[in-house]
Structure formats: structure tokens, C-alpha cells
C-alpha atoms as a PDB file:
ATOM      1  CA  MET A   1      47.203  67.184  92.591  1.00  0.00           C
ATOM      2  CA  PRO A   2      50.526  65.433  91.923  1.00  0.00           C
ATOM      3  CA  PHE A   3      53.141  63.989  94.264  1.00  0.00           C
ATOM      4  CA  TYR A   4      56.929  64.250  94.301  1.00  0.00           C
ATOM      5  CA  GLU A   5      58.607  61.118  95.645  1.00  0.00           C
ATOM      6  CA  ARG A   6      62.148  60.573  96.844  1.00  0.00           C
ATOM      7  CA  GLY A   7      62.849  57.326  98.700  1.00  0.00           C
ATOM      8  CA  PRO A   8      60.502  57.253 101.757  1.00  0.00           C
ATOM      9  CA  VAL A   9      59.459  60.886 101.186  1.00  0.00           C
ATOM     10  CA  ARG A  10      56.200  61.695  99.366  1.00  0.00           C
ATOM     11  CA  ILE A  11      55.305  65.375  98.908  1.00  0.00           C
ATOM     12  CA  HIS A  12      51.844  66.496  97.811  1.00  0.00           C
ATOM     13  CA  TYR A  13      52.093  69.724  95.764  1.00  0.00           C
ATOM     14  CA  GLU A  14      50.151  72.058  93.528  1.00  0.00           C
ATOM     15  CA  GLU A  15      51.197  74.327  90.616  1.00  0.00           C
ATOM     16  CA  ARG A  16      49.330  77.311  89.243  1.00  0.00           C
ATOM     17  CA  GLY A  17      49.993  79.815  86.472  1.00  0.00           C
ATOM     18  CA  SER A  18      53.111  80.355  84.404  1.00  0.00           C
ATOM     19  CA  GLY A  19      56.123  82.607  84.371  1.00  0.00           C
ATOM     20  CA  PHE A  20      59.051  82.914  86.750  1.00  0.00           C
ATOM     21  CA  PRO A  21      58.717  80.355  89.610  1.00  0.00           C
ATOM     22  CA  LEU A  22      57.496  81.371  93.046  1.00  0.00           C
ATOM     23  CA  LEU A  23      57.652  78.816  95.843  1.00  0.00           C
ATOM     24  CA  VAL A  24      54.983  79.475  98.466  1.00  0.00           C
ATOM     25  CA  ILE A  25      55.397  78.067 101.966  1.00  0.00           C
ATOM     26  CA  PRO A  26      52.158  78.105 103.997  1.00  0.00           C
ATOM     27  CA  GLY A  27      52.129  79.000 107.678  1.00  0.00           C
ATOM     28  CA  GLY A  28      50.556  76.988 110.461  1.00  0.00           C
ATOM     29  CA  GLY A  29      53.827  75.685 111.867  1.00  0.00           C
ATOM     30  CA  LEU A  30      54.198  71.927 111.493  1.00  0.00           C
ATOM     31  CA  ASN A  31      50.581  71.768 110.358  1.00  0.00           C
ATOM     32  CA  SER A  32      51.470  73.703 107.194  1.00  0.00           C
ATOM     33  CA  THR A  33      49.279  72.671 104.232  1.00  0.00           C
ATOM     34  CA  ILE A  34      48.032  73.911 100.876  1.00  0.00           C
ATOM     35  CA  ALA A  35      44.462  74.013 102.211  1.00  0.00           C
ATOM     36  CA  GLY A  36      45.584  76.239 105.073  1.00  0.00           C
ATOM     37  CA  LEU A  37      46.221  79.092 102.653  1.00  0.00           C
ATOM     38  CA  ASP A  38      42.504  79.591 102.138  1.00  0.00           C
ATOM     39  CA  ALA A  39      41.467  78.607 105.669  1.00  0.00           C
ATOM     40  CA  THR A  40      43.705  80.675 107.939  1.00  0.00           C
ATOM     41  CA  HIS A  41      45.895  83.078 105.945  1.00  0.00           C
ATOM     42  CA  PRO A  42      45.266  86.770 105.282  1.00  0.00           C
ATOM     43  CA  PHE A  43      45.666  86.063 101.515  1.00  0.00           C
ATOM     44  CA  ASN A  44      46.440  83.043  99.386  1.00  0.00           C
ATOM     45  CA  ALA A  45      49.733  83.839  97.662  1.00  0.00           C
ATOM     46  CA  ALA A  46      49.600  80.697  95.477  1.00  0.00           C
ATOM     47  CA  LYS A  47      46.394  81.976  93.915  1.00  0.00           C
ATOM     48  CA  GLU A  48      47.071  85.719  94.204  1.00  0.00           C
ATOM     49  CA  PHE A  49      50.268  85.687  92.182  1.00  0.00           C
ATOM     50  CA  SER A  50      49.523  82.864  89.738  1.00  0.00           C
ATOM     51  CA  ASN A  51      48.429  85.389  87.110  1.00  0.00           C
ATOM     52  CA  SER A  52      52.053  86.555  86.866  1.00  0.00           C
ATOM     53  CA  PHE A  53      54.156  83.713  88.238  1.00  0.00           C
ATOM     54  CA  ARG A  54      54.369  79.927  88.235  1.00  0.00           C
ATOM     55  CA  THR A  55      53.413  79.277  91.852  1.00  0.00           C
ATOM     56  CA  VAL A  56      54.380  76.073  93.605  1.00  0.00           C
ATOM     57  CA  VAL A  57      53.002  75.095  97.004  1.00  0.00           C
ATOM     58  CA  ALA A  58      53.113  71.848  99.000  1.00  0.00           C
ATOM     59  CA  ASP A  59      51.857  70.175 102.152  1.00  0.00           C
ATOM     60  CA  LEU A  60      54.662  70.002 104.693  1.00  0.00           C
ATOM     61  CA  ARG A  61      56.115  66.608 105.426  1.00  0.00           C
ATOM     62  CA  ASN A  62      54.663  65.312 108.701  1.00  0.00           C
ATOM     63  CA  ALA A  63      51.702  67.766 108.735  1.00  0.00           C
ATOM     64  CA  PRO A  64      48.763  65.648 109.995  1.00  0.00           C
ATOM     65  CA  PRO A  65      46.107  67.562 108.005  1.00  0.00           C
ATOM     66  CA  GLY A  66      48.028  67.185 104.785  1.00  0.00           C
ATOM     67  CA  GLN A  67      48.877  64.417 102.315  1.00  0.00           C
ATOM     68  CA  SER A  68      52.672  64.568 102.388  1.00  0.00           C
ATOM     69  CA  SER A  69      54.646  62.008 104.356  1.00  0.00           C
ATOM     70  CA  GLY A  70      58.208  61.111 105.254  1.00  0.00           C
ATOM     71  CA  PRO A  71      60.460  60.113 108.115  1.00  0.00           C
ATOM     72  CA  LEU A  72      60.729  62.182 111.280  1.00  0.00           C
ATOM     73  CA  GLU A  73      64.402  63.086 111.034  1.00  0.00           C
ATOM     74  CA  ILE A  74      65.080  63.820 114.677  1.00  0.00           C
ATOM     75  CA  ASP A  75      68.722  64.835 114.274  1.00  0.00           C
ATOM     76  CA  ARG A  76      68.132  67.263 111.380  1.00  0.00           C
ATOM     77  CA  PRO A  77      64.606  68.632 111.481  1.00  0.00           C
ATOM     78  CA  TRP A  78      65.103  71.936 109.615  1.00  0.00           C
ATOM     79  CA  ASP A  79      67.374  70.371 106.978  1.00  0.00           C
ATOM     80  CA  SER A  80      64.901  67.548 106.316  1.00  0.00           C
ATOM     81  CA  PHE A  81      62.247  70.062 105.324  1.00  0.00           C
ATOM     82  CA  THR A  82      64.744  72.044 103.226  1.00  0.00           C
ATOM     83  CA  ASP A  83      65.587  68.776 101.449  1.00  0.00           C
ATOM     84  CA  ASP A  84      61.920  68.575 100.465  1.00  0.00           C
ATOM     85  CA  HIS A  85      61.766  72.185  99.235  1.00  0.00           C
ATOM     86  CA  VAL A  86      64.962  71.859  97.171  1.00  0.00           C
ATOM     87  CA  GLY A  87      64.012  68.359  95.967  1.00  0.00           C
ATOM     88  CA  LEU A  88      60.585  69.493  94.796  1.00  0.00           C
ATOM     89  CA  MET A  89      62.079  72.337  92.752  1.00  0.00           C
ATOM     90  CA  ASP A  90      64.632  69.914  91.264  1.00  0.00           C
ATOM     91  CA  HIS A  91      61.793  67.511  90.427  1.00  0.00           C
ATOM     92  CA  LEU A  92      60.008  70.332  88.581  1.00  0.00           C
ATOM     93  CA  GLY A  93      63.137  71.317  86.691  1.00  0.00           C
ATOM     94  CA  ILE A  94      63.290  74.719  88.391  1.00  0.00           C
ATOM     95  CA  LYS A  95      66.804  76.054  88.930  1.00  0.00           C
ATOM     96  CA  ARG A  96      66.157  79.585  90.179  1.00  0.00           C
ATOM     97  CA  PHE A  97      63.055  80.818  91.971  1.00  0.00           C
ATOM     98  CA  MET A  98      61.562  83.345  94.345  1.00  0.00           C
ATOM     99  CA  VAL A  99      60.013  82.261  97.653  1.00  0.00           C
ATOM    100  CA  LEU A 100      57.228  83.589  99.845  1.00  0.00           C
ATOM    101  CA  GLY A 101      56.744  82.064 103.264  1.00  0.00           C
ATOM    102  CA  TYR A 102      54.282  82.708 106.065  1.00  0.00           C
ATOM    103  CA  CYS A 103      55.080  82.128 109.769  1.00  0.00           C
ATOM    104  CA  ILE A 104      57.364  79.078 109.890  1.00  0.00           C
ATOM    105  CA  GLY A 105      58.359  80.064 106.363  1.00  0.00           C
ATOM    106  CA  GLN A 106      60.927  82.482 107.817  1.00  0.00           C
ATOM    107  CA  PRO A 107      63.284  79.817 109.267  1.00  0.00           C
ATOM    108  CA  PHE A 108      62.605  77.641 106.202  1.00  0.00           C
ATOM    109  CA  ILE A 109      63.524  80.489 103.846  1.00  0.00           C
ATOM    110  CA  TRP A 110      66.667  81.364 105.691  1.00  0.00           C
ATOM    111  CA  ASN A 111      67.739  77.736 105.607  1.00  0.00           C
ATOM    112  CA  LEU A 112      67.030  77.633 101.883  1.00  0.00           C
ATOM    113  CA  ILE A 113      69.197  80.724 101.350  1.00  0.00           C
ATOM    114  CA  LYS A 114      71.942  79.225 103.520  1.00  0.00           C
ATOM    115  CA  ARG A 115      71.973  75.966 101.540  1.00  0.00           C
ATOM    116  CA  ALA A 116      70.985  77.131  98.042  1.00  0.00           C
ATOM    117  CA  GLY A 117      71.448  80.863  98.029  1.00  0.00           C
ATOM    118  CA  ASP A 118      72.426  81.006  94.366  1.00  0.00           C
ATOM    119  CA  ARG A 119      68.970  79.640  93.500  1.00  0.00           C
ATOM    120  CA  VAL A 120      66.813  81.985  95.649  1.00  0.00           C
ATOM    121  CA  VAL A 121      66.347  85.184  93.645  1.00  0.00           C
ATOM    122  CA  ALA A 122      64.243  87.058  96.251  1.00  0.00           C
ATOM    123  CA  ALA A 123      62.246  86.249  99.396  1.00  0.00           C
ATOM    124  CA  VAL A 124      59.119  87.484 101.105  1.00  0.00           C
ATOM    125  CA  LEU A 125      58.743  86.892 104.866  1.00  0.00           C
ATOM    126  CA  ALA A 126      55.070  87.278 105.802  1.00  0.00           C
ATOM    127  CA  GLN A 127      54.148  87.405 109.525  1.00  0.00           C
ATOM    128  CA  PRO A 128      57.450  85.655 110.225  1.00  0.00           C
ATOM    129  CA  SER A 129      57.984  83.462 113.258  1.00  0.00           C
ATOM    130  CA  GLY A 130      61.027  83.725 115.475  1.00  0.00           C
ATOM    131  CA  HIS A 131      62.379  83.232 118.974  1.00  0.00           C
ATOM    132  CA  ARG A 132      60.724  85.288 121.668  1.00  0.00           C
ATOM    133  CA  GLU A 133      63.009  85.659 124.704  1.00  0.00           C
ATOM    134  CA  GLU A 134      60.146  86.009 127.165  1.00  0.00           C
ATOM    135  CA  MET A 135      58.512  82.811 125.846  1.00  0.00           C
ATOM    136  CA  PRO A 136      61.556  80.603 125.175  1.00  0.00           C
ATOM    137  CA  THR A 137      59.708  77.263 124.971  1.00  0.00           C
ATOM    138  CA  GLN A 138      56.505  78.349 123.246  1.00  0.00           C
ATOM    139  CA  PHE A 139      57.084  76.458 119.986  1.00  0.00           C
ATOM    140  CA  TYR A 140      58.007  73.255 121.832  1.00  0.00           C
ATOM    141  CA  ASP A 141      54.960  73.583 124.127  1.00  0.00           C
ATOM    142  CA  ARG A 142      52.534  74.480 121.328  1.00  0.00           C
ATOM    143  CA  ASN A 143      53.636  71.622 119.108  1.00  0.00           C
ATOM    144  CA  MET A 144      53.617  69.045 121.892  1.00  0.00           C
ATOM    145  CA  GLU A 145      49.992  69.910 122.333  1.00  0.00           C
ATOM    146  CA  GLY A 146      48.779  70.999 118.878  1.00  0.00           C
ATOM    147  CA  TRP A 147      50.873  68.885 116.506  1.00  0.00           C
ATOM    148  CA  GLY A 148      52.502  65.922 118.235  1.00  0.00           C
ATOM    149  CA  PRO A 149      49.382  63.950 119.332  1.00  0.00           C
ATOM    150  CA  ALA A 150      47.783  64.204 115.904  1.00  0.00           C
ATOM    151  CA  PHE A 151      51.035  63.229 114.197  1.00  0.00           C
ATOM    152  CA  VAL A 152      51.475  60.114 116.418  1.00  0.00           C
ATOM    153  CA  LYS A 153      47.852  59.135 115.881  1.00  0.00           C
ATOM    154  CA  LYS A 154      48.390  59.265 112.132  1.00  0.00           C
ATOM    155  CA  HIS A 155      51.845  57.644 112.381  1.00  0.00           C
ATOM    156  CA  PRO A 156      51.763  55.151 115.291  1.00  0.00           C
ATOM    157  CA  GLU A 157      55.256  53.959 114.464  1.00  0.00           C
ATOM    158  CA  TYR A 158      56.419  57.085 116.336  1.00  0.00           C
ATOM    159  CA  THR A 159      56.090  57.900 119.995  1.00  0.00           C
ATOM    160  CA  MET A 160      55.560  61.168 121.867  1.00  0.00           C
ATOM    161  CA  GLY A 161      59.068  60.726 123.225  1.00  0.00           C
ATOM    162  CA  GLN A 162      60.455  60.868 119.690  1.00  0.00           C
ATOM    163  CA  VAL A 163      58.246  63.866 118.915  1.00  0.00           C
ATOM    164  CA  SER A 164      59.673  65.587 122.009  1.00  0.00           C
ATOM    165  CA  ASP A 165      63.239  64.882 120.831  1.00  0.00           C
ATOM    166  CA  PHE A 166      62.405  66.211 117.380  1.00  0.00           C
ATOM    167  CA  LEU A 167      60.953  69.452 118.736  1.00  0.00           C
ATOM    168  CA  LYS A 168      63.821  69.946 121.188  1.00  0.00           C
ATOM    169  CA  LYS A 169      66.320  69.699 118.323  1.00  0.00           C
ATOM    170  CA  MET A 170      64.174  72.024 116.232  1.00  0.00           C
ATOM    171  CA  TYR A 171      63.389  74.773 118.697  1.00  0.00           C
ATOM    172  CA  LEU A 172      65.442  74.372 121.899  1.00  0.00           C
ATOM    173  CA  ASP A 173      68.853  73.296 120.558  1.00  0.00           C
ATOM    174  CA  LYS A 174      69.664  76.855 119.297  1.00  0.00           C
ATOM    175  CA  PRO A 175      66.838  78.952 120.763  1.00  0.00           C
ATOM    176  CA  ASP A 176      67.610  82.314 119.236  1.00  0.00           C
ATOM    177  CA  PHE A 177      66.596  84.719 116.499  1.00  0.00           C
ATOM    178  CA  VAL A 178      65.180  82.790 113.473  1.00  0.00           C
ATOM    179  CA  PHE A 179      66.462  79.335 114.539  1.00  0.00           C
ATOM    180  CA  THR A 180      68.209  78.361 111.289  1.00  0.00           C
ATOM    181  CA  VAL A 181      70.785  81.127 110.706  1.00  0.00           C
ATOM    182  CA  THR A 182      72.691  83.654 112.775  1.00  0.00           C
ATOM    183  CA  ARG A 183      72.555  87.424 112.729  1.00  0.00           C
ATOM    184  CA  ASP A 184      75.992  87.457 111.068  1.00  0.00           C
ATOM    185  CA  PHE A 185      74.579  85.356 108.213  1.00  0.00           C
ATOM    186  CA  VAL A 186      71.707  87.795 107.691  1.00  0.00           C
ATOM    187  CA  LYS A 187      74.131  90.739 107.714  1.00  0.00           C
ATOM    188  CA  THR A 188      76.036  89.258 104.755  1.00  0.00           C
ATOM    189  CA  CYS A 189      73.009  88.063 102.797  1.00  0.00           C
ATOM    190  CA  ARG A 190      72.600  90.010  99.516  1.00  0.00           C
ATOM    191  CA  THR A 191      69.280  88.330  98.558  1.00  0.00           C
ATOM    192  CA  PRO A 192      66.485  90.915  98.244  1.00  0.00           C
ATOM    193  CA  ILE A 193      64.126  90.502 101.246  1.00  0.00           C
ATOM    194  CA  LEU A 194      60.657  91.914 101.908  1.00  0.00           C
ATOM    195  CA  VAL A 195      59.402  91.643 105.509  1.00  0.00           C
ATOM    196  CA  LEU A 196      55.751  91.917 106.492  1.00  0.00           C
ATOM    197  CA  PRO A 197      55.903  92.047 110.304  1.00  0.00           C
ATOM    198  CA  ASP A 198      53.327  90.768 112.729  1.00  0.00           C
ATOM    199  CA  ASP A 199      53.184  90.913 116.510  1.00  0.00           C
ATOM    200  CA  ILE A 200      51.576  87.907 118.165  1.00  0.00           C
ATOM    201  CA  PRO A 201      53.437  85.442 120.419  1.00  0.00           C
ATOM    202  CA  PRO A 202      54.827  83.190 117.616  1.00  0.00           C
ATOM    203  CA  HIS A 203      55.454  86.137 115.288  1.00  0.00           C
ATOM    204  CA  PRO A 204      57.595  88.629 117.264  1.00  0.00           C
ATOM    205  CA  PHE A 205      57.714  92.110 115.807  1.00  0.00           C
ATOM    206  CA  LYS A 206      61.162  92.591 117.318  1.00  0.00           C
ATOM    207  CA  VAL A 207      62.668  89.728 115.355  1.00  0.00           C
ATOM    208  CA  ALA A 208      60.980  90.738 112.087  1.00  0.00           C
ATOM    209  CA  MET A 209      62.373  94.258 112.386  1.00  0.00           C
ATOM    210  CA  GLU A 210      65.763  93.006 113.407  1.00  0.00           C
ATOM    211  CA  VAL A 211      65.891  90.940 110.227  1.00  0.00           C
ATOM    212  CA  ALA A 212      64.831  93.971 108.174  1.00  0.00           C
ATOM    213  CA  MET A 213      67.496  96.111 109.796  1.00  0.00           C
ATOM    214  CA  LEU A 214      70.286  93.539 109.410  1.00  0.00           C
ATOM    215  CA  ALA A 215      69.649  92.325 105.852  1.00  0.00           C
ATOM    216  CA  PRO A 216      71.455  94.744 103.532  1.00  0.00           C
ATOM    217  CA  ASN A 217      68.961  94.436 100.716  1.00  0.00           C
ATOM    218  CA  SER A 218      65.659  94.497 102.600  1.00  0.00           C
ATOM    219  CA  GLN A 219      62.318  96.293 102.536  1.00  0.00           C
ATOM    220  CA  VAL A 220      59.486  96.450 105.099  1.00  0.00           C
ATOM    221  CA  SER A 221      55.765  96.656 104.451  1.00  0.00           C
ATOM    222  CA  LEU A 222      53.372  98.998 106.174  1.00  0.00           C
ATOM    223  CA  TYR A 223      52.536  97.914 109.727  1.00  0.00           C
ATOM    224  CA  PRO A 224      50.032  96.806 110.826  1.00  0.00           C
ATOM    225  CA  TRP A 225      49.022  95.425 107.476  1.00  0.00           C
ATOM    226  CA  LYS A 226      46.281  92.897 108.290  1.00  0.00           C
ATOM    227  CA  ASP A 227      44.399  94.403 111.267  1.00  0.00           C
ATOM    228  CA  THR A 228      41.633  95.607 108.903  1.00  0.00           C
ATOM    229  CA  PRO A 229      40.546  94.005 105.588  1.00  0.00           C
ATOM    230  CA  ASP A 230      41.200  97.157 103.561  1.00  0.00           C
ATOM    231  CA  LYS A 231      44.942  97.074 104.347  1.00  0.00           C
ATOM    232  CA  VAL A 232      45.647  93.566 103.058  1.00  0.00           C
ATOM    233  CA  PRO A 233      45.346  94.557  99.387  1.00  0.00           C
ATOM    234  CA  LEU A 234      47.946  97.270  99.988  1.00  0.00           C
ATOM    235  CA  ALA A 235      50.376  94.685 101.392  1.00  0.00           C
ATOM    236  CA  VAL A 236      49.650  92.348  98.473  1.00  0.00           C
ATOM    237  CA  ARG A 237      50.351  95.231  96.061  1.00  0.00           C
ATOM    238  CA  HIS A 238      53.686  95.854  97.756  1.00  0.00           C
ATOM    239  CA  ILE A 239      54.577  92.134  97.441  1.00  0.00           C
ATOM    240  CA  ARG A 240      53.634  92.130  93.792  1.00  0.00           C
ATOM    241  CA  MET A 241      55.799  95.185  93.083  1.00  0.00           C
ATOM    242  CA  PHE A 242      58.685  93.595  94.987  1.00  0.00           C
ATOM    243  CA  LEU A 243      58.397  90.319  93.082  1.00  0.00           C
ATOM    244  CA  GLU A 244      57.992  92.034  89.710  1.00  0.00           C
ATOM    245  CA  SER A 245      61.024  94.273  90.277  1.00  0.00           C
ATOM    246  CA  ASN A 246      63.186  91.313  91.245  1.00  0.00           C
ATOM    247  CA  ARG A 247      62.401  89.095  88.250  1.00  0.00           C
ATOM    248  CA  PRO A 248      65.833  88.380  86.812  1.00  0.00           C
ATOM    249  CA  ALA A 249      65.194  90.082  83.446  1.00  0.00           C
ATOM    250  CA  VAL A 250      63.637  93.165  85.057  1.00  0.00           C
ATOM    251  CA  ALA A 251      66.341  93.394  87.740  1.00  0.00           C
ATOM    252  CA  ALA A 252      69.101  93.118  85.107  1.00  0.00           C
ATOM    253  CA  ALA A 253      67.542  95.868  82.990  1.00  0.00           C
ATOM    254  CA  THR A 254      67.217  98.127  86.022  1.00  0.00           C
ATOM    255  CA  GLN A 255      70.840  97.609  86.928  1.00  0.00           C
ATOM    256  CA  GLN A 256      71.935  98.350  83.377  1.00  0.00           C
ATOM    257  CA  ARG A 257      69.979 101.634  83.384  1.00  0.00           C
ATOM    258  CA  ALA A 258      71.426 102.628  86.729  1.00  0.00           C
ATOM    259  CA  ALA A 259      74.974 101.916  85.483  1.00  0.00           C
ATOM    260  CA  ALA A 260      74.372 103.967  82.332  1.00  0.00           C
ATOM    261  CA  GLU A 261      73.171 106.945  84.371  1.00  0.00           C
END
């Protein structure tokens, strides 16, 4: 698998299939990797949709299990990752694309739309993470235990104190909603959105449904959609229909037919 390099940043990525581009962002929080799609996810979107789309997926910068690397940008954690997503698509010569993100993919996707909304054609939020009022420090606490020590072991030039500062800026500086954008931003976002809610501590159902209610061009999958194996294919089918209907050529033809009628 190839690498995209920009200064001190080195991103390990994989491409599959052909067609309109689909950026896939694995879940797993700051341990997000390509391999995680097969290991821990209800379905592997990079494989599942590669028969119809050009799927692109990467190891997250600073994920200890992965092969990507780059500085720990303590003052701009979310934007540093968005730099990598945008930079990778630029490297591949991709101007416009769809995006599907699991878990931490929700704040990443909203930051992508905020910074490069003209490039994001449609977005799928699968089991999206968000702020849970009754557990306000859960992401900081989980990452201090489940990500930070492994990261420092792999990168001894950093300390747990710096990891703490990074996580505080990421999750405690603006501890609300989806972390990267406000409710007012979501209200004005015209990008087509498909939400597949979950309801475990890091994936609050309340936040997923609030996003679906606020976004003016949104859809919601059946729920629950992954509690039994037989439901997952139905959710995947809904995603496929959503992606197919929002391909630029298909969407334009649909709008033309609607205008003619």
C-alpha cells in the first residue's frame, strides 16, 4: 500500500475500485486504521462499495496500530487530521468526493464540510460519536488510557503531559455536540447526510438524532441496525442507495426531471 507525504506527515492509504470517489474514515477513535475495518466494524465500507466507487481509506496520523505518522499538533488537533484528509485527496487528484465515517468520523466529516464543503458531495455518519452530557470527560479518559500510553511508547519524543494537552484541546476545549461544528452550522448545511445511529457511551443516540433533525437534507437508517447480523445488509443497502442517488450525474438528472414535472 502507498504513502502520501507532506513535510513531516506520512499517511498510509489504500485505494480500491473505480468510479466516483468515496473517502472512508474508519472508527476506533485515535486508533483508527485500515485494518480496523475488518477487525471491529459491522461492515467494511472500503471493500463493500468498491464495486461501484473508488474507495480511499487511510490509517489515521498518530494511530499506534497503523503506519501513518506526523506531528502531534496540540493547538489544532481536529484541523491537523482534516489537513491529512484534504491533502490525501489533493494528492490523488480528487476534487469532489463522498465520505463515509464511523465513530470519530462524525467530527472529522463535519470539519471537512466546514473547511471544504464545496468538495464534499454527500456524507454518511455511521455509529457517530458525540458529546454525552452525563459523561463529559469520557473521550479524554478513554484516550489517556487506551491511546496515549501506546502512542508515547511508539513516539518517545512525546510525553503523557503533551498527550493530555492534546486531548484536552480536542475534547474538553469545546465539550458539546459533535466537537467540531455548532448546531447552527448543521442547520445551514445543505450537504446530503445519512445518519446510522448507535447508542453506546461514545456513540450517543441523542446526538445522532439531533444531527438528523437539524440537517436540512438528511436521512436516518433503521434503528437498531447492527444488533443482529441480518439487519446489517439492510443498512448497507440503504447506504448504497443513498450514495448512488447522490452521485453528481444521477443527482443532476433527478433534479432536472423534478424541475420538468
